[in-house]
Amino acid sequence: MRALSSAEKAFRALFVTLLALVISTLGGAEASADGTPAAAAATPAAAPAGGGHPTVYVLLQIDAKLGDVEKMLSDHLPGLTVKMFATYRDFDSASATGNPDAVLVIPPVLDARGKKASLQGTREGKDTEPYVLVSIDKPLDGPLAGKTIGMVDLLGRDGSQAFVAQVTKDKDFKVKRVAKVEDLVPLLEFSAAQALLVPSSMMTSLAKHTRLALKTRELPDGHVGLPAVAILNPAAKDAVVKAFNGLDPATKAVLGVDAWSPR
């Protein structure tokens, strides 16, 4: 093979350098107007956690078996994967590892987690409902100091304590948390609590679990938001909003709402 001349070697070296430069330019990220690579200028939203189907985690106090409610929601929210939780601890742990695309909870849970509602549930045009203290035979009067208040575990230990204090404007009480609505009345029957903190709309349901005379004490500052949907993954927003807006009246009634208001 003939040896290359100095001029030929120089030309080949220049050609290789230019070719490498062209490949680098075509294969690299296009620069934005201010010199920032386009790939770094915008981060795409994460794909839905359910592998194509957005996942919705639900934590609500509903007087029904969680498995039945989960199946009902799964059947009536097409395109979504629904997971129900019995306690705040389970919900919180799963949320930390499962990265749900949306959650369905009461607004105090969103506030505690620094999240905002995307769809606020309403009932008869209102987005809140009154909570009451429920006791046996007569309303629980006077300060709550030294008394035990029962409630469904929607906010964990510290969150439940703060929630009762906010709703009752009282202090120095204890909170007894249960996982299911049906476990509330036994707290009164066995004197494990002097009163229950529940939505006033739940009174009819509670009465089904006992023959005792249940009495209520209204709370002037006891209005709490109805269930709300917070979308955590923007990529799932359209699918989640469409599914919840398409819920039938019967399913919405189980959730305690009759409509959704965008926020």
Protein backbone atom coordinates (compact mmCIF):
# COMPACT_ATOMS: atom_id res chain seq x y z
CA MET A 1 0.00 0.00 0.00
CA ARG A 2 1.30 3.47 -0.95
CA ALA A 3 2.31 5.67 1.96
CA LEU A 4 0.20 8.82 2.37
CA SER A 5 1.84 12.11 1.76
CA SER A 6 1.91 14.80 4.45
CA ALA A 7 -0.83 16.74 2.63
CA GLU A 8 -3.03 13.67 2.38
CA LYS A 9 -2.57 12.90 6.09
CA ALA A 10 -3.51 16.45 7.02
CA PHE A 11 -6.62 16.32 4.80
CA ARG A 12 -7.72 12.98 6.28
CA ALA A 13 -7.29 14.31 9.83
CA LEU A 14 -9.37 17.40 8.97
CA PHE A 15 -12.07 15.22 7.40
CA VAL A 16 -12.31 12.98 10.47
CA THR A 17 -12.55 16.02 12.76
CA LEU A 18 -15.34 17.59 10.67
CA LEU A 19 -17.24 14.29 10.52
CA ALA A 20 -17.08 13.90 14.30
CA LEU A 21 -18.33 17.46 14.74
CA VAL A 22 -21.32 16.84 12.44
CA ILE A 23 -22.26 13.63 14.25
CA SER A 24 -22.01 15.36 17.63
CA THR A 25 -24.20 18.23 16.46
CA LEU A 26 -26.90 15.99 14.97
CA GLY A 27 -26.96 13.57 17.90
CA GLY A 28 -26.86 16.13 20.68
CA ALA A 29 -29.71 18.12 22.18
CA GLU A 30 -30.87 21.14 20.24
CA ALA A 31 -30.05 24.34 22.04
CA SER A 32 -32.74 26.80 23.08
CA ALA A 33 -32.55 30.49 22.32
CA ASP A 34 -30.69 31.21 25.56
CA GLY A 35 -28.21 28.36 25.00
CA THR A 36 -29.95 25.90 27.36
CA PRO A 37 -30.33 22.40 25.84
CA ALA A 38 -33.98 21.77 24.97
CA ALA A 39 -33.96 18.44 26.81
CA ALA A 40 -32.98 20.20 30.01
CA ALA A 41 -35.32 23.15 29.50
CA ALA A 42 -38.51 21.14 30.08
CA THR A 43 -38.96 17.96 32.12
CA PRO A 44 -41.85 15.79 30.85
CA ALA A 45 -44.53 14.72 33.33
CA ALA A 46 -44.18 11.27 34.81
CA ALA A 47 -46.12 8.44 33.25
CA PRO A 48 -49.15 7.18 35.21
CA ALA A 49 -48.19 4.98 38.17
CA GLY A 50 -50.57 2.21 37.14
CA GLY A 51 -48.63 1.30 33.99
CA GLY A 52 -50.93 3.14 31.60
CA HIS A 53 -53.91 3.41 33.97
CA PRO A 54 -53.70 6.30 36.46
CA THR A 55 -53.85 5.11 40.07
CA VAL A 56 -56.16 6.77 42.61
CA TYR A 57 -55.72 6.19 46.35
CA VAL A 58 -58.87 6.61 48.48
CA LEU A 59 -59.17 7.27 52.21
CA LEU A 60 -62.71 8.10 53.35
CA GLN A 61 -65.07 7.17 56.18
CA ILE A 62 -67.79 5.16 54.46
CA ASP A 63 -70.14 2.78 56.24
CA ALA A 64 -69.52 -0.16 53.92
CA LYS A 65 -66.91 -2.85 53.37
CA LEU A 66 -63.82 -1.32 51.81
CA GLY A 67 -63.52 -4.15 49.31
CA ASP A 68 -67.07 -3.52 48.09
CA VAL A 69 -66.47 0.22 47.76
CA GLU A 70 -63.17 -0.34 45.97
CA LYS A 71 -64.84 -2.66 43.46
CA MET A 72 -67.71 -0.22 42.96
CA LEU A 73 -65.33 2.65 42.23
CA SER A 74 -63.19 0.49 39.97
CA ASP A 75 -66.27 -0.51 37.98
CA HIS A 76 -67.50 3.08 37.66
CA LEU A 77 -64.18 4.86 37.07
CA PRO A 78 -63.11 3.35 33.73
CA GLY A 79 -59.46 3.69 32.91
CA LEU A 80 -58.42 4.22 36.54
CA THR A 81 -56.89 1.85 39.10
CA VAL A 82 -58.52 2.42 42.51
CA LYS A 83 -57.04 1.42 45.87
CA MET A 84 -58.95 1.90 49.14
CA PHE A 85 -57.24 2.23 52.53
CA ALA A 86 -58.62 1.65 56.02
CA THR A 87 -56.24 3.85 58.01
CA TYR A 88 -54.14 6.93 57.48
CA ARG A 89 -51.00 4.96 58.31
CA ASP A 90 -51.63 2.51 55.47
CA PHE A 91 -52.56 5.34 53.10
CA ASP A 92 -49.48 7.38 54.02
CA SER A 93 -47.09 4.44 53.70
CA ALA A 94 -48.50 3.38 50.32
CA SER A 95 -48.46 6.96 49.02
CA ALA A 96 -44.77 7.28 49.86
CA THR A 97 -43.82 4.19 47.88
CA GLY A 98 -46.58 3.84 45.29
CA ASN A 99 -46.63 7.40 43.92
CA PRO A 100 -50.37 7.58 43.14
CA ASP A 101 -51.51 9.81 40.31
CA ALA A 102 -54.42 11.18 42.37
CA VAL A 103 -56.02 10.86 45.80
CA LEU A 104 -59.63 11.05 46.99
CA VAL A 105 -59.77 12.30 50.60
CA ILE A 106 -61.33 15.01 52.74
CA PRO A 107 -59.67 18.46 52.45
CA PRO A 108 -57.98 18.33 55.90
CA VAL A 109 -55.91 15.41 54.62
CA LEU A 110 -54.84 17.49 51.61
CA ASP A 111 -53.99 20.42 53.89
CA ALA A 112 -51.86 18.19 56.10
CA ARG A 113 -49.94 16.98 53.04
CA GLY A 114 -49.59 20.38 51.39
CA LYS A 115 -51.78 19.46 48.40
CA LYS A 116 -54.61 21.28 46.63
CA ALA A 117 -57.93 19.92 45.41
CA SER A 118 -58.44 19.63 41.66
CA LEU A 119 -62.07 18.52 41.99
CA GLN A 120 -64.05 19.51 45.08
CA GLY A 121 -67.07 17.42 45.94
CA THR A 122 -70.31 19.26 46.62
CA ARG A 123 -73.73 18.24 47.97
CA GLU A 124 -76.80 20.38 47.36
CA GLY A 125 -74.51 23.17 46.20
CA LYS A 126 -72.32 23.20 49.33
CA ASP A 127 -68.72 22.04 49.58
CA THR A 128 -68.68 21.52 53.37
CA GLU A 129 -70.78 19.67 55.91
CA PRO A 130 -71.24 20.05 59.68
CA TYR A 131 -69.56 17.66 62.08
CA VAL A 132 -71.17 16.82 65.43
CA LEU A 133 -70.24 15.18 68.71
CA VAL A 134 -72.31 12.04 69.28
CA SER A 135 -72.95 10.61 72.75
CA ILE A 136 -75.41 8.29 74.49
CA ASP A 137 -78.70 9.44 76.06
CA LYS A 138 -77.80 13.15 76.22
CA PRO A 139 -75.53 15.62 74.42
CA LEU A 140 -72.00 15.92 75.78
CA ASP A 141 -71.92 19.35 77.38
CA GLY A 142 -69.05 21.37 78.76
CA PRO A 143 -65.31 21.30 78.05
CA LEU A 144 -63.73 18.19 76.54
CA ALA A 145 -60.76 18.22 78.94
CA GLY A 146 -60.10 14.74 80.28
CA LYS A 147 -62.57 13.12 77.88
CA THR A 148 -61.93 10.68 75.02
CA ILE A 149 -63.29 11.40 71.55
CA GLY A 150 -63.64 8.62 69.00
CA MET A 151 -63.23 9.09 65.24
CA VAL A 152 -62.32 7.21 62.07
CA ASP A 153 -58.58 7.32 61.42
CA LEU A 154 -58.30 9.70 58.48
CA LEU A 155 -55.36 11.79 59.69
CA GLY A 156 -53.09 9.68 61.88
CA ARG A 157 -52.35 10.23 65.56
CA ASP A 158 -51.09 13.82 65.55
CA GLY A 159 -53.32 14.88 62.68
CA SER A 160 -56.45 13.53 64.39
CA GLN A 161 -55.61 15.37 67.59
CA ALA A 162 -55.17 18.63 65.67
CA PHE A 163 -58.34 18.02 63.66
CA VAL A 164 -60.53 17.50 66.74
CA ALA A 165 -59.01 20.59 68.36
CA GLN A 166 -59.74 22.68 65.27
CA VAL A 167 -63.32 21.47 64.85
CA THR A 168 -64.30 21.62 68.54
CA LYS A 169 -62.15 24.62 69.54
CA ASP A 170 -61.26 22.64 72.67
CA LYS A 171 -58.16 21.03 74.20
CA ASP A 172 -56.78 18.55 76.74
CA PHE A 173 -58.79 15.61 75.37
CA LYS A 174 -57.73 12.21 74.07
CA VAL A 175 -58.55 10.78 70.64
CA LYS A 176 -59.40 7.13 70.04
CA ARG A 177 -59.04 6.19 66.37
CA VAL A 178 -60.77 3.27 64.62
CA ALA A 179 -60.43 1.86 61.12
CA LYS A 180 -64.12 1.44 60.26
CA VAL A 181 -67.35 3.33 60.80
CA GLU A 182 -68.93 0.23 62.35
CA ASP A 183 -66.26 0.34 65.08
CA LEU A 184 -67.35 3.78 66.30
CA VAL A 185 -70.50 2.95 68.24
CA PRO A 186 -68.82 0.18 70.30
CA LEU A 187 -66.52 2.90 71.69
CA LEU A 188 -69.60 4.43 73.31
CA GLU A 189 -71.17 1.11 74.29
CA PHE A 190 -68.05 -0.02 76.16
CA SER A 191 -67.25 3.44 77.58
CA ALA A 192 -63.99 3.64 75.62
CA ALA A 193 -65.02 7.14 74.52
CA GLN A 194 -67.44 9.75 75.82
CA ALA A 195 -68.31 11.03 72.35
CA LEU A 196 -67.72 10.46 68.64
CA LEU A 197 -66.79 13.13 66.10
CA VAL A 198 -68.57 12.42 62.82
CA PRO A 199 -70.28 14.21 59.93
CA SER A 200 -73.91 14.94 60.76
CA SER A 201 -74.88 13.06 57.59
CA MET A 202 -73.61 9.85 59.22
CA MET A 203 -76.17 9.84 62.04
CA THR A 204 -78.65 7.61 60.23
CA SER A 205 -75.89 5.13 59.47
CA LEU A 206 -74.64 5.10 63.08
CA ALA A 207 -78.14 4.48 64.41
CA LYS A 208 -78.23 1.20 62.47
CA HIS A 209 -75.41 -0.16 64.63
CA THR A 210 -77.09 0.28 68.02
CA ARG A 211 -80.36 0.43 69.91
CA LEU A 212 -78.99 3.06 72.25
CA ALA A 213 -80.31 6.60 72.05
CA LEU A 214 -77.68 8.65 70.24
CA LYS A 215 -77.65 12.39 70.88
CA THR A 216 -75.68 15.10 69.11
CA ARG A 217 -73.96 18.31 70.06
CA GLU A 218 -73.61 20.81 67.25
CA LEU A 219 -70.27 22.58 66.79
CA PRO A 220 -70.33 26.24 65.69
CA ASP A 221 -66.96 25.90 63.93
CA GLY A 222 -67.46 22.31 62.89
CA HIS A 223 -67.86 22.59 59.13
CA VAL A 224 -65.44 20.35 57.20
CA GLY A 225 -64.92 20.04 53.45
CA LEU A 226 -66.58 17.22 51.54
CA PRO A 227 -64.41 14.62 49.75
CA ALA A 228 -62.09 16.08 47.13
CA VAL A 229 -59.80 14.78 44.38
CA ALA A 230 -56.21 16.02 44.20
CA ILE A 231 -54.30 15.22 41.01
CA LEU A 232 -50.65 14.61 41.82
CA ASN A 233 -49.43 13.71 38.33
CA PRO A 234 -50.30 16.29 35.64
CA ALA A 235 -50.00 13.62 32.95
CA ALA A 236 -53.03 11.85 34.45
CA LYS A 237 -55.23 14.95 34.85
CA ASP A 238 -57.46 14.52 31.79
CA ALA A 239 -58.15 10.84 32.47
CA VAL A 240 -58.88 11.40 36.17
CA VAL A 241 -61.15 14.41 35.64
CA LYS A 242 -63.08 12.68 32.86
CA ALA A 243 -63.62 9.54 34.95
CA PHE A 244 -64.82 11.35 38.08
CA ASN A 245 -67.08 13.70 36.13
CA GLY A 246 -68.65 10.61 34.57
CA LEU A 247 -69.61 8.99 37.89
CA ASP A 248 -73.27 8.01 38.18
CA PRO A 249 -75.45 9.56 40.94
CA ALA A 250 -75.59 6.37 43.01
CA THR A 251 -71.81 6.07 43.22
CA LYS A 252 -71.40 9.75 44.04
CA ALA A 253 -73.97 9.35 46.81
CA VAL A 254 -71.86 6.61 48.42
CA LEU A 255 -68.96 9.08 48.45
CA GLY A 256 -71.22 11.69 50.07
CA VAL A 257 -71.36 14.10 47.11
CA ASP A 258 -73.68 14.81 44.22
CA ALA A 259 -71.36 16.85 41.97
CA TRP A 260 -67.75 17.89 41.42
CA SER A 261 -66.53 21.46 41.21
CA PRO A 262 -63.21 22.15 39.41
CA ARG A 263 -60.60 24.08 41.40
